[in-house]
Protein backbone atom coordinates (compact mmCIF):
# COMPACT_ATOMS: atom_id res chain seq x y z
CA UNK A 1 28.76 -47.16 -22.63
CA UNK A 2 29.45 -44.85 -25.78
CA UNK A 3 31.63 -41.76 -25.72
CA UNK A 4 30.04 -38.88 -24.48
CA UNK A 5 28.84 -36.41 -27.21
CA UNK A 6 29.93 -32.75 -27.28
CA UNK A 7 27.16 -30.16 -28.01
CA UNK A 8 27.39 -30.01 -31.54
CA UNK A 9 27.72 -33.75 -31.91
CA UNK A 10 24.65 -33.85 -29.94
CA UNK A 11 22.69 -31.69 -31.92
CA UNK A 12 23.60 -33.31 -35.01
CA UNK A 13 22.44 -36.59 -33.55
CA UNK A 14 19.29 -35.33 -32.52
CA UNK A 15 18.38 -33.71 -35.93
CA UNK A 16 19.62 -37.21 -37.48
CA UNK A 17 17.12 -38.90 -34.91
CA UNK A 18 14.13 -36.77 -35.79
CA UNK A 19 14.87 -37.20 -39.61
CA UNK A 20 14.66 -40.72 -39.11
CA UNK A 21 11.24 -40.49 -37.19
CA UNK A 22 9.52 -37.96 -39.32
CA UNK A 23 11.43 -38.20 -42.44
CA UNK A 24 13.34 -35.24 -44.62
CA UNK A 25 10.56 -32.63 -45.32
CA UNK A 26 10.86 -31.72 -49.26
CA UNK A 27 11.43 -27.66 -49.16
CA UNK A 28 8.84 -26.08 -51.82
CA UNK A 29 9.05 -22.59 -52.50
CA UNK A 30 5.99 -20.08 -52.66
CA UNK A 31 5.52 -17.72 -55.57
CA UNK A 32 4.59 -14.64 -53.78
CA UNK A 33 6.25 -13.29 -50.54
CA UNK A 34 3.38 -10.91 -49.77
CA UNK A 35 0.94 -13.62 -49.65
CA UNK A 36 3.21 -15.67 -47.64
CA UNK A 37 3.45 -12.71 -45.17
CA UNK A 38 -0.32 -12.34 -45.15
CA UNK A 39 -0.73 -16.26 -44.31
CA UNK A 40 1.91 -16.06 -41.56
CA UNK A 41 0.00 -12.99 -39.87
CA UNK A 42 -3.21 -15.12 -40.14
CA UNK A 43 -1.34 -18.21 -38.22
CA UNK A 44 -0.57 -16.32 -35.24
CA UNK A 45 -2.40 -18.14 -32.06
CA UNK A 46 -4.45 -20.40 -34.35
CA UNK A 47 -3.97 -23.82 -35.86
CA UNK A 48 -2.99 -24.39 -39.64
CA UNK A 49 -6.38 -25.45 -40.68
CA UNK A 50 -8.04 -22.19 -39.53
CA UNK A 51 -5.17 -20.20 -40.88
CA UNK A 52 -5.80 -21.60 -44.24
CA UNK A 53 -9.69 -21.36 -43.99
CA UNK A 54 -9.09 -17.70 -42.89
CA UNK A 55 -6.93 -16.85 -45.74
CA UNK A 56 -9.04 -18.62 -48.28
CA UNK A 57 -12.01 -16.70 -47.37
CA UNK A 58 -10.18 -13.46 -47.40
CA UNK A 59 -9.49 -14.25 -50.92
CA UNK A 60 -12.51 -15.06 -51.78
CA UNK A 61 -14.27 -11.73 -50.14
CA UNK A 62 -11.48 -9.46 -51.91
CA UNK A 63 -10.06 -10.15 -55.38
CA UNK A 64 -6.89 -8.20 -55.13
CA UNK A 65 -4.65 -6.62 -52.38
CA UNK A 66 -5.77 -3.02 -53.15
CA UNK A 67 -9.59 -4.13 -52.47
CA UNK A 68 -8.20 -5.49 -49.14
CA UNK A 69 -6.15 -2.13 -48.76
CA UNK A 70 -9.16 -0.24 -49.47
CA UNK A 71 -11.71 -2.36 -47.31
CA UNK A 72 -12.70 -1.40 -43.77
CA UNK A 73 -11.23 -3.31 -41.34
CA UNK A 74 -14.31 -4.44 -40.02
CA UNK A 75 -15.00 -6.07 -43.40
CA UNK A 76 -11.58 -7.75 -43.38
CA UNK A 77 -12.27 -9.11 -39.76
CA UNK A 78 -15.27 -10.61 -40.70
CA UNK A 79 -13.75 -12.58 -43.51
CA UNK A 80 -10.91 -13.91 -41.48
CA UNK A 81 -13.09 -14.53 -38.21
CA UNK A 82 -12.23 -18.24 -38.34
CA UNK A 83 -8.54 -17.54 -37.63
CA UNK A 84 -9.20 -15.83 -34.44
CA UNK A 85 -7.82 -12.43 -33.30
CA UNK A 86 -9.63 -11.14 -36.50
CA UNK A 87 -9.65 -7.30 -35.06
CA UNK A 88 -5.87 -7.05 -34.31
CA UNK A 89 -5.14 -8.90 -37.61
CA UNK A 90 -7.21 -7.07 -39.94
CA UNK A 91 -5.69 -3.98 -38.70
CA UNK A 92 -2.04 -5.62 -39.23
CA UNK A 93 -2.84 -6.27 -42.51
CA UNK A 94 -4.15 -3.23 -43.80
CA UNK A 95 -0.79 -1.14 -42.24
CA UNK A 96 1.27 -3.85 -43.86
CA UNK A 97 -0.43 -3.11 -47.15
CA UNK A 98 -0.50 0.65 -46.85
CA UNK A 99 3.30 0.67 -45.95
CA UNK A 100 4.23 -1.57 -48.97
CA UNK A 101 2.18 0.39 -51.29
CA UNK A 102 3.67 3.76 -49.88
CA UNK A 103 7.35 2.42 -50.07
CA UNK A 104 7.38 0.66 -53.55
CA UNK A 105 4.06 2.11 -55.31
CA UNK A 106 2.77 -1.40 -55.65
CA UNK A 107 1.57 -4.57 -53.54
CA UNK A 108 4.90 -6.38 -54.05
CA UNK A 109 7.54 -7.98 -52.21
CA UNK A 110 9.38 -9.75 -54.66
CA UNK A 111 12.60 -7.43 -54.17
CA UNK A 112 13.24 -9.55 -51.10
CA UNK A 113 14.46 -12.21 -53.45
CA UNK A 114 17.34 -10.07 -54.49
CA UNK A 115 18.89 -8.87 -51.43
CA UNK A 116 20.99 -10.54 -48.58
CA UNK A 117 18.99 -12.47 -46.06
CA UNK A 118 20.27 -9.88 -43.31
CA UNK A 119 18.55 -6.90 -45.47
CA UNK A 120 15.60 -9.03 -46.31
CA UNK A 121 14.82 -9.49 -42.72
CA UNK A 122 15.40 -5.95 -41.68
CA UNK A 123 12.67 -5.14 -44.47
CA UNK A 124 10.20 -7.52 -43.03
CA UNK A 125 10.88 -6.34 -39.45
CA UNK A 126 10.27 -2.59 -40.42
CA UNK A 127 6.31 -3.63 -40.73
CA UNK A 128 4.37 -3.07 -37.94
CA UNK A 129 3.02 -6.24 -36.26
CA UNK A 130 5.79 -8.20 -37.68
CA UNK A 131 8.29 -9.91 -35.49
CA UNK A 132 11.42 -12.31 -35.95
CA UNK A 133 9.41 -15.43 -36.05
CA UNK A 134 6.81 -13.91 -38.77
CA UNK A 135 10.04 -12.76 -40.85
CA UNK A 136 11.98 -15.72 -40.47
CA UNK A 137 8.90 -17.84 -41.50
CA UNK A 138 8.62 -15.79 -44.72
CA UNK A 139 12.39 -16.14 -45.26
CA UNK A 140 12.67 -19.78 -44.69
CA UNK A 141 9.66 -21.13 -46.50
CA UNK A 142 9.18 -18.39 -49.25
CA UNK A 143 12.55 -17.29 -50.00
CA UNK A 144 14.33 -20.58 -49.34
CA UNK A 145 16.98 -18.77 -46.90
CA UNK A 146 18.59 -20.96 -44.24
CA UNK A 147 17.12 -19.19 -41.12
CA UNK A 148 15.41 -20.75 -38.09
CA UNK A 149 12.10 -19.35 -37.00
CA UNK A 150 11.22 -20.07 -33.20
CA UNK A 151 7.62 -20.63 -32.47
CA UNK A 152 6.22 -21.95 -29.15
CA UNK A 153 7.28 -25.53 -29.52
CA UNK A 154 10.69 -25.07 -30.53
CA UNK A 155 11.11 -22.68 -27.84
CA UNK A 156 10.06 -25.06 -25.14
CA UNK A 157 12.01 -28.03 -26.78
CA UNK A 158 15.42 -25.74 -26.91
CA UNK A 159 15.07 -25.40 -23.43
CA UNK A 160 14.33 -28.87 -22.29
CA UNK A 161 17.26 -30.20 -24.66
CA UNK A 162 19.39 -28.00 -22.93
CA UNK A 163 20.36 -25.74 -26.13
CA UNK A 164 19.32 -22.57 -24.80
CA UNK A 165 18.78 -21.27 -20.97
CA UNK A 166 15.67 -22.13 -19.21
CA UNK A 167 14.89 -18.52 -18.58
CA UNK A 168 15.66 -17.63 -22.21
CA UNK A 169 13.66 -15.22 -23.90
CA UNK A 170 11.96 -16.09 -27.26
CA UNK A 171 14.50 -13.61 -28.92
CA UNK A 172 17.54 -15.25 -27.41
CA UNK A 173 16.35 -18.58 -28.54
CA UNK A 174 16.13 -17.20 -31.92
CA UNK A 175 19.93 -15.73 -31.72
CA UNK A 176 21.37 -18.91 -29.85
CA UNK A 177 19.61 -21.45 -32.24
CA UNK A 178 20.13 -19.68 -35.37
CA UNK A 179 23.76 -19.79 -34.74
CA UNK A 180 24.12 -23.50 -33.49
CA UNK A 181 21.87 -25.47 -36.17
CA UNK A 182 23.39 -26.21 -39.29
CA UNK A 183 22.29 -24.20 -42.24
CA UNK A 184 21.36 -26.90 -44.42
CA UNK A 185 19.32 -28.49 -41.59
CA UNK A 186 17.39 -25.30 -40.51
CA UNK A 187 14.32 -26.55 -42.65
CA UNK A 188 14.14 -30.08 -41.85
CA UNK A 189 15.06 -29.26 -37.92
CA UNK A 190 12.43 -26.47 -37.66
CA UNK A 191 9.64 -28.67 -39.08
CA UNK A 192 10.59 -31.87 -37.33
CA UNK A 193 11.04 -30.11 -33.87
CA UNK A 194 7.69 -28.57 -34.07
CA UNK A 195 6.11 -32.08 -35.29
CA UNK A 196 8.21 -33.55 -32.35
CA UNK A 197 6.71 -30.97 -29.69
CA UNK A 198 2.98 -31.57 -31.04
CA UNK A 199 3.24 -35.57 -30.86
CA UNK A 200 5.50 -36.31 -27.86
CA UNK A 201 7.37 -33.43 -26.09
CA UNK A 202 4.03 -31.69 -25.24
CA UNK A 203 3.72 -28.70 -23.21
CA UNK A 204 1.94 -30.99 -20.35
CA UNK A 205 2.71 -34.34 -19.69
CA UNK A 206 5.37 -35.07 -22.32
CA UNK A 207 5.99 -38.76 -23.21
CA UNK A 208 9.58 -39.19 -22.08
CA UNK A 209 9.77 -42.91 -22.24
CA UNK A 210 8.32 -43.02 -25.84
CA UNK A 211 10.84 -40.22 -27.03
CA UNK A 212 13.45 -41.29 -29.51
CA UNK A 213 15.71 -38.19 -27.98
CA UNK A 214 15.01 -39.28 -24.24
CA UNK A 215 18.81 -40.66 -24.07
CA UNK A 216 20.13 -37.45 -25.42
CA UNK A 217 18.00 -35.18 -23.33
CA UNK A 218 18.45 -33.59 -19.91
CA UNK A 219 14.82 -33.11 -19.61
CA UNK A 220 15.36 -29.61 -17.90
CA UNK A 221 12.21 -28.03 -16.48
CA UNK A 222 10.21 -31.36 -17.06
CA UNK A 223 10.35 -32.26 -13.51
CA UNK A 224 7.23 -34.47 -12.36
CA UNK A 225 5.45 -33.85 -15.34
CA UNK A 226 6.87 -36.41 -17.70
CA UNK A 227 4.96 -39.39 -18.06
CA UNK A 228 6.09 -42.90 -16.71
CA UNK A 229 7.36 -45.78 -19.00
CA UNK A 230 5.46 -48.93 -19.49
CA UNK A 231 5.37 -51.68 -21.96
CA UNK A 232 6.31 -50.35 -25.46
CA UNK A 233 8.46 -47.56 -24.33
CA UNK A 234 11.43 -47.39 -26.25
CA UNK A 235 14.87 -45.39 -26.63
CA UNK A 236 17.09 -44.87 -29.26
CA UNK A 237 21.20 -45.79 -28.20
CA UNK A 238 23.25 -42.93 -29.16
């Protein structure tokens, strides 16, 4: 038997195992924080494919942020219909563009690059319809800040792995994981944990016997939903 790992050692080992399983993702930086914010709004309650289609159709239909700002909500909704929740998202997009133009005189969020992370997050959260996850995604992916967005997969896995209480809210998970995950690993762990949640640690019938994290996982909240092992099931020793 190996030594019992403390919580930080267990987290570091989990990050290492996920990087071994899925790789260390390269960290791109997108040019336009406003475009990133709108893409993130479009990503809500849909998949990446439909998100990208919705954004592509939005930019094909309207050739500038000003055109989107001036367009009726229904025209915007028609353009982004493929992404789902079109009426809600079109309203949010118009409200965000209106607020940005009112505050800055132009459709530009590049000022976020020049202010501290906490101030940038506060600025993003000031826009109607922008929550913690959306703000942190823009900060992580576009502005290169070390923050840890929590989506539905990360929220579920953080509970199952025992890093947050089983009844923790999404906001509480943001708070705990944002202080627990090493800053230099936030990008890698965010993406790899989502991938793991989609492929292995699914909401229903998680494939625990095939999971590289199984030896380190207390399986909190899984109960009888975990799949049984069989030939080919594997574990990675700590």
